[in-house]
Amino acid sequence: MTEKKKPAKAERPSAKMRALFREVARDIVAKDREARKRGIAQNTIGEIERAMVKAYVYGQEALLDDRMSLRSSDAPFDWLEIPPRARGTLSFMTICFSQRWSASPGEAAAAQDRSPDEIETFSEDDRKRWAIIRGDKRSNRSVGDGSVAPLIRLGLLAARSDHGNRYVLTSAGIAAGKEYWRRSDAGDPTLPREGMR
């Protein structure tokens, strides 16, 4: 009597693959919202179907080549892996790396030598908030803990040893910010959205 072979169990998608799928979903939702706002036709069903086909193809490629990597750059941390609200905070903290920082080339070169912003925690109405520190000045701009906690958890921000409530970007955070601004300044349309959950 022959023994029945158990079917192979499908592997779960990697964290990077799931992040890619979330970005595709965000794009579909954003296009649908924009079309509704403008009162123009949108084939959301077709967009979803095409996204599912792409996901299927990615899965097939992953089966054929288990070394498949979604990372497209040498950055140690892929922008896609950072949650959307945290992307906004990280891009704001590293705006000094942007070529668009100022209009004149001399000012842009000076901005490149500037350090990224730091961020400091404080309490407001019993809620944890974070204020951007640019140079020696505390900005009026603050963000919620949900925009900063992922950066700490991912190792992109770390506490300063000499200042308990202040955090600075790690080398991985600086590299991620530089890579983001390189792509953004070049007009890369494949950059993931910021802010949209």
N, C-alpha and C. Protein backbone atom coordinates (compact mmCIF):
# COMPACT_ATOMS: atom_id res chain seq x y z
N MET A 1 0.84 -1.18 0.00
CA MET A 1 0.00 0.00 0.00
C MET A 1 0.90 1.25 0.00
N THR A 2 0.62 2.12 -0.94
CA THR A 2 1.44 3.34 -1.05
C THR A 2 0.94 4.40 -0.08
N GLU A 3 1.92 5.07 0.49
CA GLU A 3 1.61 6.12 1.46
C GLU A 3 1.32 7.42 0.73
N LYS A 4 0.22 8.08 1.15
CA LYS A 4 -0.13 9.34 0.51
C LYS A 4 0.84 10.42 0.95
N LYS A 5 1.30 11.19 -0.02
CA LYS A 5 2.19 12.30 0.27
C LYS A 5 1.37 13.51 0.71
N LYS A 6 1.83 14.13 1.79
CA LYS A 6 1.15 15.35 2.23
C LYS A 6 1.53 16.48 1.28
N PRO A 7 0.54 17.32 0.91
CA PRO A 7 0.87 18.44 0.03
C PRO A 7 1.80 19.42 0.75
N ALA A 8 2.70 20.01 -0.01
CA ALA A 8 3.63 20.99 0.57
C ALA A 8 2.84 22.19 1.07
N LYS A 9 3.24 22.67 2.24
CA LYS A 9 2.56 23.83 2.82
C LYS A 9 3.14 25.09 2.18
N ALA A 10 2.26 25.98 1.74
CA ALA A 10 2.71 27.23 1.12
C ALA A 10 3.37 28.12 2.17
N GLU A 11 4.43 28.76 1.75
CA GLU A 11 5.12 29.69 2.65
C GLU A 11 4.36 31.00 2.72
N ARG A 12 4.42 31.63 3.89
CA ARG A 12 3.80 32.93 4.06
C ARG A 12 4.67 33.98 3.36
N PRO A 13 4.05 35.04 2.85
CA PRO A 13 4.84 36.08 2.20
C PRO A 13 5.79 36.75 3.20
N SER A 14 6.92 37.19 2.71
CA SER A 14 7.89 37.88 3.57
C SER A 14 7.33 39.24 3.98
N ALA A 15 7.96 39.85 4.98
CA ALA A 15 7.55 41.18 5.44
C ALA A 15 7.66 42.20 4.31
N LYS A 16 8.72 42.07 3.50
CA LYS A 16 8.89 43.00 2.38
C LYS A 16 7.80 42.82 1.34
N MET A 17 7.45 41.57 1.08
CA MET A 17 6.41 41.29 0.10
C MET A 17 5.07 41.86 0.59
N ARG A 18 4.77 41.68 1.87
CA ARG A 18 3.53 42.22 2.43
C ARG A 18 3.52 43.75 2.37
N ALA A 19 4.68 44.36 2.63
CA ALA A 19 4.77 45.82 2.54
C ALA A 19 4.51 46.29 1.12
N LEU A 20 5.04 45.56 0.15
CA LEU A 20 4.79 45.90 -1.25
C LEU A 20 3.31 45.80 -1.58
N PHE A 21 2.64 44.76 -1.11
CA PHE A 21 1.21 44.60 -1.36
C PHE A 21 0.40 45.74 -0.73
N ARG A 22 0.81 46.17 0.49
CA ARG A 22 0.11 47.28 1.15
C ARG A 22 0.26 48.56 0.32
N GLU A 23 1.43 48.76 -0.27
CA GLU A 23 1.64 49.96 -1.09
C GLU A 23 0.75 49.93 -2.33
N VAL A 24 0.62 48.77 -2.93
CA VAL A 24 -0.26 48.63 -4.10
C VAL A 24 -1.69 48.95 -3.68
N ALA A 25 -2.11 48.44 -2.52
CA ALA A 25 -3.47 48.72 -2.02
C ALA A 25 -3.66 50.21 -1.77
N ARG A 26 -2.66 50.86 -1.18
CA ARG A 26 -2.76 52.31 -0.93
C ARG A 26 -2.92 53.08 -2.24
N ASP A 27 -2.16 52.67 -3.27
CA ASP A 27 -2.26 53.34 -4.57
C ASP A 27 -3.67 53.19 -5.15
N ILE A 28 -4.23 52.00 -5.05
CA ILE A 28 -5.58 51.77 -5.58
C ILE A 28 -6.60 52.63 -4.85
N VAL A 29 -6.51 52.66 -3.52
CA VAL A 29 -7.45 53.46 -2.72
C VAL A 29 -7.28 54.94 -3.04
N ALA A 30 -6.05 55.41 -3.16
CA ALA A 30 -5.80 56.83 -3.44
C ALA A 30 -6.35 57.21 -4.82
N LYS A 31 -6.16 56.36 -5.82
CA LYS A 31 -6.68 56.65 -7.15
C LYS A 31 -8.21 56.68 -7.14
N ASP A 32 -8.81 55.74 -6.40
CA ASP A 32 -10.26 55.70 -6.31
C ASP A 32 -10.80 56.95 -5.62
N ARG A 33 -10.17 57.37 -4.53
CA ARG A 33 -10.60 58.58 -3.81
C ARG A 33 -10.48 59.82 -4.70
N GLU A 34 -9.37 59.92 -5.41
CA GLU A 34 -9.15 61.08 -6.29
C GLU A 34 -10.19 61.10 -7.41
N ALA A 35 -10.48 59.95 -8.00
CA ALA A 35 -11.48 59.87 -9.07
C ALA A 35 -12.86 60.27 -8.56
N ARG A 36 -13.23 59.78 -7.37
CA ARG A 36 -14.53 60.15 -6.80
C ARG A 36 -14.63 61.64 -6.53
N LYS A 37 -13.52 62.22 -6.00
CA LYS A 37 -13.51 63.64 -5.69
C LYS A 37 -13.70 64.47 -6.96
N ARG A 38 -13.11 64.03 -8.06
CA ARG A 38 -13.19 64.77 -9.32
C ARG A 38 -14.41 64.38 -10.16
N GLY A 39 -15.10 63.34 -9.74
CA GLY A 39 -16.27 62.90 -10.48
C GLY A 39 -15.94 62.23 -11.80
N ILE A 40 -14.79 61.55 -11.86
CA ILE A 40 -14.41 60.86 -13.09
C ILE A 40 -14.47 59.35 -12.87
N ALA A 41 -14.62 58.64 -13.96
CA ALA A 41 -14.74 57.18 -13.89
C ALA A 41 -13.42 56.55 -13.45
N GLN A 42 -13.55 55.51 -12.66
CA GLN A 42 -12.37 54.79 -12.18
C GLN A 42 -12.68 53.31 -12.20
N ASN A 43 -11.80 52.53 -12.77
CA ASN A 43 -11.99 51.08 -12.84
C ASN A 43 -11.28 50.42 -11.65
N THR A 44 -11.84 50.59 -10.46
CA THR A 44 -11.21 50.05 -9.26
C THR A 44 -11.16 48.53 -9.29
N ILE A 45 -12.21 47.90 -9.80
CA ILE A 45 -12.23 46.44 -9.90
C ILE A 45 -11.09 45.96 -10.79
N GLY A 46 -10.89 46.63 -11.91
CA GLY A 46 -9.79 46.29 -12.81
C GLY A 46 -8.42 46.48 -12.15
N GLU A 47 -8.29 47.56 -11.37
CA GLU A 47 -7.04 47.82 -10.65
C GLU A 47 -6.76 46.70 -9.65
N ILE A 48 -7.79 46.29 -8.92
CA ILE A 48 -7.64 45.21 -7.94
C ILE A 48 -7.26 43.91 -8.64
N GLU A 49 -7.93 43.63 -9.74
CA GLU A 49 -7.63 42.39 -10.49
C GLU A 49 -6.19 42.38 -10.98
N ARG A 50 -5.72 43.51 -11.52
CA ARG A 50 -4.33 43.58 -11.99
C ARG A 50 -3.35 43.42 -10.83
N ALA A 51 -3.70 43.99 -9.67
CA ALA A 51 -2.83 43.86 -8.49
C ALA A 51 -2.76 42.40 -8.04
N MET A 52 -3.88 41.69 -8.11
CA MET A 52 -3.89 40.28 -7.71
C MET A 52 -3.06 39.45 -8.68
N VAL A 53 -3.13 39.78 -9.95
CA VAL A 53 -2.32 39.07 -10.95
C VAL A 53 -0.84 39.30 -10.67
N LYS A 54 -0.47 40.55 -10.36
CA LYS A 54 0.93 40.85 -10.04
C LYS A 54 1.38 40.06 -8.81
N ALA A 55 0.51 40.00 -7.79
CA ALA A 55 0.85 39.26 -6.58
C ALA A 55 1.06 37.78 -6.91
N TYR A 56 0.22 37.24 -7.76
CA TYR A 56 0.35 35.84 -8.17
C TYR A 56 1.69 35.62 -8.89
N VAL A 57 2.03 36.55 -9.79
CA VAL A 57 3.28 36.44 -10.54
C VAL A 57 4.47 36.54 -9.59
N TYR A 58 4.42 37.49 -8.62
CA TYR A 58 5.50 37.59 -7.62
C TYR A 58 5.66 36.27 -6.88
N GLY A 59 4.54 35.66 -6.51
CA GLY A 59 4.59 34.38 -5.80
C GLY A 59 5.23 33.29 -6.65
N GLN A 60 4.86 33.24 -7.92
CA GLN A 60 5.45 32.24 -8.81
C GLN A 60 6.96 32.47 -8.97
N GLU A 61 7.35 33.75 -9.12
CA GLU A 61 8.77 34.06 -9.25
C GLU A 61 9.53 33.68 -7.99
N ALA A 62 8.90 33.90 -6.84
CA ALA A 62 9.55 33.56 -5.58
C ALA A 62 9.74 32.06 -5.46
N LEU A 63 8.78 31.28 -5.97
CA LEU A 63 8.91 29.82 -5.95
C LEU A 63 10.06 29.37 -6.85
N LEU A 64 10.20 30.05 -7.98
CA LEU A 64 11.25 29.68 -8.93
C LEU A 64 12.63 30.13 -8.46
N ASP A 65 12.67 31.24 -7.72
CA ASP A 65 13.94 31.79 -7.28
C ASP A 65 13.81 32.25 -5.84
N ASP A 66 14.19 31.41 -4.89
CA ASP A 66 14.00 31.75 -3.48
C ASP A 66 14.97 32.82 -3.01
N ARG A 67 15.84 33.26 -3.90
CA ARG A 67 16.75 34.36 -3.55
C ARG A 67 16.17 35.70 -3.95
N MET A 68 14.91 35.73 -4.38
CA MET A 68 14.29 36.97 -4.85
C MET A 68 14.37 38.07 -3.79
N SER A 69 14.81 39.23 -4.21
CA SER A 69 14.90 40.37 -3.29
C SER A 69 14.14 41.54 -3.87
N LEU A 70 13.34 42.20 -3.04
CA LEU A 70 12.60 43.36 -3.51
C LEU A 70 13.40 44.65 -3.34
N ARG A 71 14.51 44.60 -2.66
CA ARG A 71 15.30 45.80 -2.42
C ARG A 71 15.95 46.23 -3.73
N SER A 72 15.77 47.50 -4.08
CA SER A 72 16.27 47.98 -5.36
C SER A 72 17.49 48.88 -5.21
N SER A 73 17.98 49.06 -4.01
CA SER A 73 19.12 49.95 -3.81
C SER A 73 20.07 49.35 -2.80
N ASP A 74 21.17 50.06 -2.58
CA ASP A 74 22.16 49.62 -1.61
C ASP A 74 21.86 50.12 -0.20
N ALA A 75 20.75 50.83 -0.03
CA ALA A 75 20.39 51.34 1.29
C ALA A 75 20.21 50.17 2.24
N PRO A 76 20.73 50.30 3.47
CA PRO A 76 20.60 49.19 4.41
C PRO A 76 19.16 48.93 4.83
N PHE A 77 18.29 49.94 4.68
CA PHE A 77 16.90 49.75 5.08
C PHE A 77 16.00 50.26 3.97
N ASP A 78 15.08 49.44 3.52
CA ASP A 78 14.21 49.80 2.41
C ASP A 78 13.08 50.71 2.90
N TRP A 79 12.84 51.82 2.20
CA TRP A 79 11.79 52.78 2.54
C TRP A 79 10.43 52.09 2.62
N LEU A 80 10.24 51.07 1.82
CA LEU A 80 9.00 50.32 1.78
C LEU A 80 8.69 49.65 3.13
N GLU A 81 9.73 49.32 3.89
CA GLU A 81 9.56 48.62 5.15
C GLU A 81 9.19 49.55 6.31
N ILE A 82 9.21 50.85 6.08
CA ILE A 82 8.88 51.82 7.12
C ILE A 82 7.40 52.15 7.03
N PRO A 83 6.66 52.10 8.14
CA PRO A 83 5.22 52.43 8.09
C PRO A 83 4.99 53.86 7.57
N PRO A 84 3.87 54.11 6.89
CA PRO A 84 3.63 55.38 6.21
C PRO A 84 3.77 56.65 7.07
N ARG A 85 3.18 56.68 8.26
CA ARG A 85 3.29 57.89 9.08
C ARG A 85 4.73 58.12 9.53
N ALA A 86 5.44 57.04 9.81
CA ALA A 86 6.84 57.15 10.21
C ALA A 86 7.70 57.64 9.04
N ARG A 87 7.32 57.31 7.81
CA ARG A 87 8.03 57.81 6.64
C ARG A 87 8.00 59.33 6.60
N GLY A 88 6.82 59.89 6.90
CA GLY A 88 6.68 61.35 6.91
C GLY A 88 7.60 61.99 7.92
N THR A 89 7.69 61.41 9.11
CA THR A 89 8.57 61.94 10.15
C THR A 89 10.02 61.83 9.73
N LEU A 90 10.42 60.67 9.20
CA LEU A 90 11.80 60.47 8.79
C LEU A 90 12.18 61.40 7.64
N SER A 91 11.29 61.59 6.67
CA SER A 91 11.61 62.48 5.55
C SER A 91 11.74 63.92 6.04
N PHE A 92 10.89 64.33 6.99
CA PHE A 92 10.98 65.69 7.53
C PHE A 92 12.29 65.88 8.29
N MET A 93 12.69 64.88 9.06
CA MET A 93 13.93 64.97 9.85
C MET A 93 15.18 65.00 8.97
N THR A 94 15.08 64.46 7.76
CA THR A 94 16.25 64.35 6.87
C THR A 94 16.15 65.25 5.65
N ILE A 95 15.29 66.25 5.69
CA ILE A 95 15.11 67.12 4.53
C ILE A 95 16.41 67.81 4.12
N CYS A 96 17.36 67.90 5.05
CA CYS A 96 18.65 68.51 4.73
C CYS A 96 19.40 67.75 3.64
N PHE A 97 19.00 66.50 3.38
CA PHE A 97 19.66 65.72 2.34
C PHE A 97 19.05 65.96 0.95
N SER A 98 18.00 66.77 0.88
CA SER A 98 17.33 67.02 -0.39
C SER A 98 18.05 68.10 -1.18
N GLN A 99 18.14 67.89 -2.49
CA GLN A 99 18.69 68.91 -3.39
C GLN A 99 17.73 70.09 -3.50
N ARG A 100 16.46 69.87 -3.17
CA ARG A 100 15.45 70.92 -3.27
C ARG A 100 15.37 71.76 -2.01
N TRP A 101 16.26 71.52 -1.06
CA TRP A 101 16.22 72.22 0.23
C TRP A 101 16.23 73.73 0.04
N SER A 102 16.98 74.21 -0.93
CA SER A 102 17.02 75.65 -1.20
C SER A 102 17.17 75.89 -2.68
N ALA A 103 16.91 77.10 -3.09
CA ALA A 103 16.91 77.43 -4.52
C ALA A 103 18.31 77.53 -5.10
N SER A 104 19.25 78.13 -4.37
CA SER A 104 20.58 78.35 -4.95
C SER A 104 21.49 77.15 -4.71
N PRO A 105 22.36 76.82 -5.68
CA PRO A 105 23.27 75.68 -5.53
C PRO A 105 24.17 75.79 -4.31
N GLY A 106 24.64 77.01 -3.97
CA GLY A 106 25.49 77.19 -2.81
C GLY A 106 24.77 76.83 -1.52
N GLU A 107 23.51 77.25 -1.41
CA GLU A 107 22.72 76.93 -0.21
C GLU A 107 22.41 75.43 -0.16
N ALA A 108 22.18 74.83 -1.33
CA ALA A 108 21.91 73.39 -1.37
C ALA A 108 23.14 72.62 -0.89
N ALA A 109 24.34 73.07 -1.30
CA ALA A 109 25.57 72.39 -0.87
C ALA A 109 25.75 72.54 0.64
N ALA A 110 25.43 73.72 1.17
CA ALA A 110 25.53 73.94 2.62
C ALA A 110 24.54 73.07 3.37
N ALA A 111 23.35 72.90 2.79
CA ALA A 111 22.34 72.06 3.43
C ALA A 111 22.80 70.61 3.50
N GLN A 112 23.57 70.18 2.50
CA GLN A 112 24.07 68.81 2.49
C GLN A 112 25.02 68.55 3.67
N ASP A 113 25.71 69.61 4.14
CA ASP A 113 26.63 69.47 5.26
C ASP A 113 25.91 69.52 6.61
N ARG A 114 24.65 69.94 6.61
CA ARG A 114 23.89 70.05 7.83
C ARG A 114 23.53 68.69 8.38
N SER A 115 23.38 68.62 9.67
CA SER A 115 22.99 67.36 10.31
C SER A 115 21.47 67.21 10.25
N PRO A 116 20.98 65.98 10.22
CA PRO A 116 19.54 65.78 10.28
C PRO A 116 18.99 66.27 11.62
N ASP A 117 17.70 66.53 11.64
CA ASP A 117 17.04 66.97 12.86
C ASP A 117 17.07 65.86 13.91
N GLU A 118 16.90 66.28 15.15
CA GLU A 118 16.70 65.34 16.25
C GLU A 118 15.23 65.43 16.64
N ILE A 119 14.83 64.59 17.57
CA ILE A 119 13.43 64.59 17.99
C ILE A 119 13.39 64.33 19.49
N GLU A 120 12.46 65.02 20.16
CA GLU A 120 12.42 64.96 21.62
C GLU A 120 11.00 64.66 22.09
N THR A 121 10.91 63.79 23.06
CA THR A 121 9.60 63.40 23.57
C THR A 121 9.14 64.35 24.69
N PHE A 122 7.84 64.59 24.73
CA PHE A 122 7.24 65.37 25.81
C PHE A 122 5.80 64.89 25.99
N SER A 123 5.16 65.33 27.04
CA SER A 123 3.79 64.91 27.34
C SER A 123 2.83 66.07 27.12
N GLU A 124 1.72 65.79 26.46
CA GLU A 124 0.70 66.80 26.21
C GLU A 124 -0.66 66.15 26.44
N ASP A 125 -1.39 66.65 27.43
CA ASP A 125 -2.69 66.07 27.78
C ASP A 125 -2.57 64.57 28.05
N ASP A 126 -1.53 64.20 28.79
CA ASP A 126 -1.26 62.80 29.15
C ASP A 126 -1.00 61.89 27.95
N ARG A 127 -0.63 62.51 26.82
CA ARG A 127 -0.27 61.72 25.63
C ARG A 127 1.17 62.00 25.26
N LYS A 128 1.85 60.98 24.80
CA LYS A 128 3.24 61.12 24.39
C LYS A 128 3.29 61.78 23.01
N ARG A 129 4.03 62.89 22.93
CA ARG A 129 4.21 63.62 21.69
C ARG A 129 5.71 63.77 21.44
N TRP A 130 6.06 64.12 20.21
CA TRP A 130 7.46 64.29 19.82
C TRP A 130 7.61 65.61 19.09
N ALA A 131 8.61 66.39 19.49
CA ALA A 131 8.90 67.67 18.85
C ALA A 131 10.20 67.56 18.06
N ILE A 132 10.20 68.13 16.87
CA ILE A 132 11.39 68.16 16.03
C ILE A 132 12.35 69.21 16.60
N ILE A 133 13.62 68.86 16.70
CA ILE A 133 14.66 69.78 17.16
C ILE A 133 15.59 70.04 15.98
N ARG A 134 15.56 71.27 15.48
CA ARG A 134 16.40 71.65 14.34
C ARG A 134 17.46 72.61 14.86
N GLY A 135 18.70 72.15 14.84
CA GLY A 135 19.78 72.95 15.43
C GLY A 135 19.58 72.99 16.93
N ASP A 136 19.47 74.19 17.48
CA ASP A 136 19.23 74.34 18.91
C ASP A 136 17.78 74.71 19.21
N LYS A 137 16.96 74.78 18.18
CA LYS A 137 15.59 75.25 18.36
C LYS A 137 14.57 74.11 18.30
N ARG A 138 13.64 74.18 19.21
CA ARG A 138 12.53 73.22 19.22
C ARG A 138 11.44 73.75 18.30
N SER A 139 11.05 72.95 17.35
CA SER A 139 10.05 73.34 16.36
C SER A 139 8.66 73.35 16.99
N ASN A 140 7.78 74.17 16.42
CA ASN A 140 6.37 74.15 16.83
C ASN A 140 5.69 72.88 16.32
N ARG A 141 6.32 72.25 15.36
CA ARG A 141 5.77 71.03 14.78
C ARG A 141 6.01 69.86 15.73
N SER A 142 4.95 69.11 16.01
CA SER A 142 5.11 67.90 16.81
C SER A 142 4.30 66.79 16.17
N VAL A 143 4.66 65.56 16.49
CA VAL A 143 3.98 64.40 15.92
C VAL A 143 3.63 63.43 17.05
N GLY A 144 2.66 62.57 16.79
CA GLY A 144 2.26 61.57 17.77
C GLY A 144 3.25 60.42 17.85
N ASP A 145 3.11 59.66 18.90
CA ASP A 145 4.02 58.54 19.14
C ASP A 145 3.97 57.50 18.02
N GLY A 146 2.81 57.35 17.38
CA GLY A 146 2.68 56.38 16.29
C GLY A 146 3.53 56.71 15.07
N SER A 147 3.99 57.96 14.99
CA SER A 147 4.86 58.36 13.88
C SER A 147 6.33 58.20 14.19
N VAL A 148 6.65 57.94 15.47
CA VAL A 148 8.05 57.86 15.88
C VAL A 148 8.41 56.46 16.40
N ALA A 149 7.50 55.85 17.14
CA ALA A 149 7.77 54.53 17.75
C ALA A 149 8.27 53.50 16.72
N PRO A 150 7.70 53.44 15.50
CA PRO A 150 8.23 52.47 14.53
C PRO A 150 9.68 52.73 14.15
N LEU A 151 10.08 54.00 14.12
CA LEU A 151 11.47 54.33 13.78
C LEU A 151 12.43 53.84 14.86
N ILE A 152 11.99 53.91 16.11
CA ILE A 152 12.81 53.40 17.22
C ILE A 152 12.86 51.88 17.15
N ARG A 153 11.70 51.27 16.96
CA ARG A 153 11.61 49.80 16.91
C ARG A 153 12.45 49.22 15.77
N LEU A 154 12.51 49.93 14.65
CA LEU A 154 13.27 49.46 13.49
C LEU A 154 14.77 49.79 13.58
N GLY A 155 15.16 50.50 14.64
CA GLY A 155 16.56 50.84 14.81
C GLY A 155 17.02 52.02 13.98
N LEU A 156 16.08 52.86 13.54
CA LEU A 156 16.43 54.03 12.74
C LEU A 156 16.63 55.27 13.61
N LEU A 157 16.10 55.22 14.83
CA LEU A 157 16.28 56.28 15.83
C LEU A 157 16.79 55.64 17.10
N ALA A 158 17.65 56.36 17.83
CA ALA A 158 18.15 55.86 19.11
C ALA A 158 18.27 57.02 20.09
N ALA A 159 18.11 56.71 21.38
CA ALA A 159 18.20 57.73 22.42
C ALA A 159 19.63 58.26 22.51
N ARG A 160 19.74 59.56 22.74
CA ARG A 160 21.06 60.16 23.00
C ARG A 160 21.49 59.80 24.40
N SER A 161 22.74 59.45 24.57
CA SER A 161 23.22 59.04 25.89
C SER A 161 23.27 60.22 26.86
N ASP A 162 23.44 61.44 26.32
CA ASP A 162 23.58 62.62 27.19
C ASP A 162 22.28 63.38 27.39
N HIS A 163 21.20 62.89 26.78
CA HIS A 163 19.93 63.62 26.86
C HIS A 163 18.79 62.60 26.81
N GLY A 164 18.24 62.26 27.96
CA GLY A 164 17.28 61.16 28.07
C GLY A 164 16.06 61.22 27.18
N ASN A 165 15.52 62.43 26.92
CA ASN A 165 14.29 62.54 26.14
C ASN A 165 14.53 62.79 24.66
N ARG A 166 15.78 62.91 24.26
CA ARG A 166 16.08 63.26 22.87
C ARG A 166 16.63 62.05 22.11
N TYR A 167 16.17 61.92 20.87
CA TYR A 167 16.58 60.81 20.01
C TYR A 167 17.23 61.36 18.75
N VAL A 168 18.20 60.60 18.24
CA VAL A 168 18.91 60.96 17.01
C VAL A 168 18.80 59.79 16.02
N LEU A 169 19.01 60.12 14.77
CA LEU A 169 19.00 59.07 13.75
C LEU A 169 20.25 58.21 13.87
N THR A 170 20.09 56.92 13.71
CA THR A 170 21.22 56.00 13.67
C THR A 170 21.82 56.06 12.27
N SER A 171 22.91 55.34 12.06
CA SER A 171 23.51 55.31 10.71
C SER A 171 22.53 54.72 9.71
N ALA A 172 21.72 53.74 10.15
CA ALA A 172 20.71 53.15 9.25
C ALA A 172 19.63 54.17 8.93
N GLY A 173 19.23 54.99 9.92
CA GLY A 173 18.23 56.03 9.69
C GLY A 173 18.74 57.10 8.73
N ILE A 174 19.99 57.48 8.89
CA ILE A 174 20.58 58.48 7.99
C ILE A 174 20.67 57.92 6.57
N ALA A 175 21.09 56.67 6.44
CA ALA A 175 21.19 56.05 5.10
C ALA A 175 19.81 55.96 4.44
N ALA A 176 18.78 55.60 5.23
CA ALA A 176 17.42 55.51 4.68
C ALA A 176 16.94 56.88 4.23
N GLY A 177 17.21 57.92 5.03
CA GLY A 177 16.82 59.27 4.67
C GLY A 177 17.53 59.76 3.41
N LYS A 178 18.82 59.51 3.31
CA LYS A 178 19.58 59.91 2.13
C LYS A 178 19.06 59.23 0.87
N GLU A 179 18.77 57.94 1.01
CA GLU A 179 18.26 57.19 -0.14
C GLU A 179 16.89 57.69 -0.55
N TYR A 180 16.04 58.00 0.44
CA TYR A 180 14.71 58.54 0.13
C TYR A 180 14.84 59.84 -0.66
N TRP A 181 15.67 60.78 -0.17
CA TRP A 181 15.78 62.08 -0.83
C TRP A 181 16.45 61.96 -2.18
N ARG A 182 17.37 61.02 -2.35
CA ARG A 182 17.96 60.79 -3.67
C ARG A 182 16.87 60.41 -4.66
N ARG A 183 16.02 59.47 -4.24
CA ARG A 183 14.94 59.01 -5.11
C ARG A 183 13.88 60.09 -5.31
N SER A 184 13.53 60.80 -4.25
CA SER A 184 12.51 61.85 -4.33
C SER A 184 12.97 62.99 -5.23
N ASP A 185 14.22 63.43 -5.05
CA ASP A 185 14.76 64.51 -5.89
C ASP A 185 14.80 64.11 -7.36
N ALA A 186 14.97 62.82 -7.62
CA ALA A 186 15.01 62.33 -9.00
C ALA A 186 13.61 62.12 -9.57
N GLY A 187 12.57 62.33 -8.73
CA GLY A 187 11.19 62.16 -9.19
C GLY A 187 10.78 60.71 -9.35
N ASP A 188 11.33 59.83 -8.55
CA ASP A 188 11.04 58.39 -8.62
C ASP A 188 9.55 58.13 -8.35
N PRO A 189 8.79 57.69 -9.36
CA PRO A 189 7.35 57.47 -9.15
C PRO A 189 7.05 56.20 -8.36
N THR A 190 8.06 55.38 -8.09
CA THR A 190 7.81 54.14 -7.36
C THR A 190 7.97 54.31 -5.84
N LEU A 191 8.30 55.52 -5.38
CA LEU A 191 8.43 55.74 -3.94
C LEU A 191 7.09 55.49 -3.26
N PRO A 192 7.09 54.76 -2.14
CA PRO A 192 5.84 54.53 -1.42
C PRO A 192 5.27 55.84 -0.87
N ARG A 193 3.96 55.85 -0.67
CA ARG A 193 3.28 57.04 -0.15
C ARG A 193 3.62 57.26 1.32
N GLU A 194 3.57 58.52 1.72
CA GLU A 194 3.75 58.86 3.13
C GLU A 194 2.37 59.14 3.73
N GLY A 195 2.25 58.88 5.01
CA GLY A 195 1.08 59.31 5.75
C GLY A 195 -0.16 58.47 5.60
N MET A 196 -0.39 57.83 4.46
CA MET A 196 -1.63 57.07 4.25
C MET A 196 -1.51 55.69 4.89
N ARG A 197 -2.43 55.39 5.80
CA ARG A 197 -2.39 54.09 6.48
C ARG A 197 -2.95 53.00 5.60
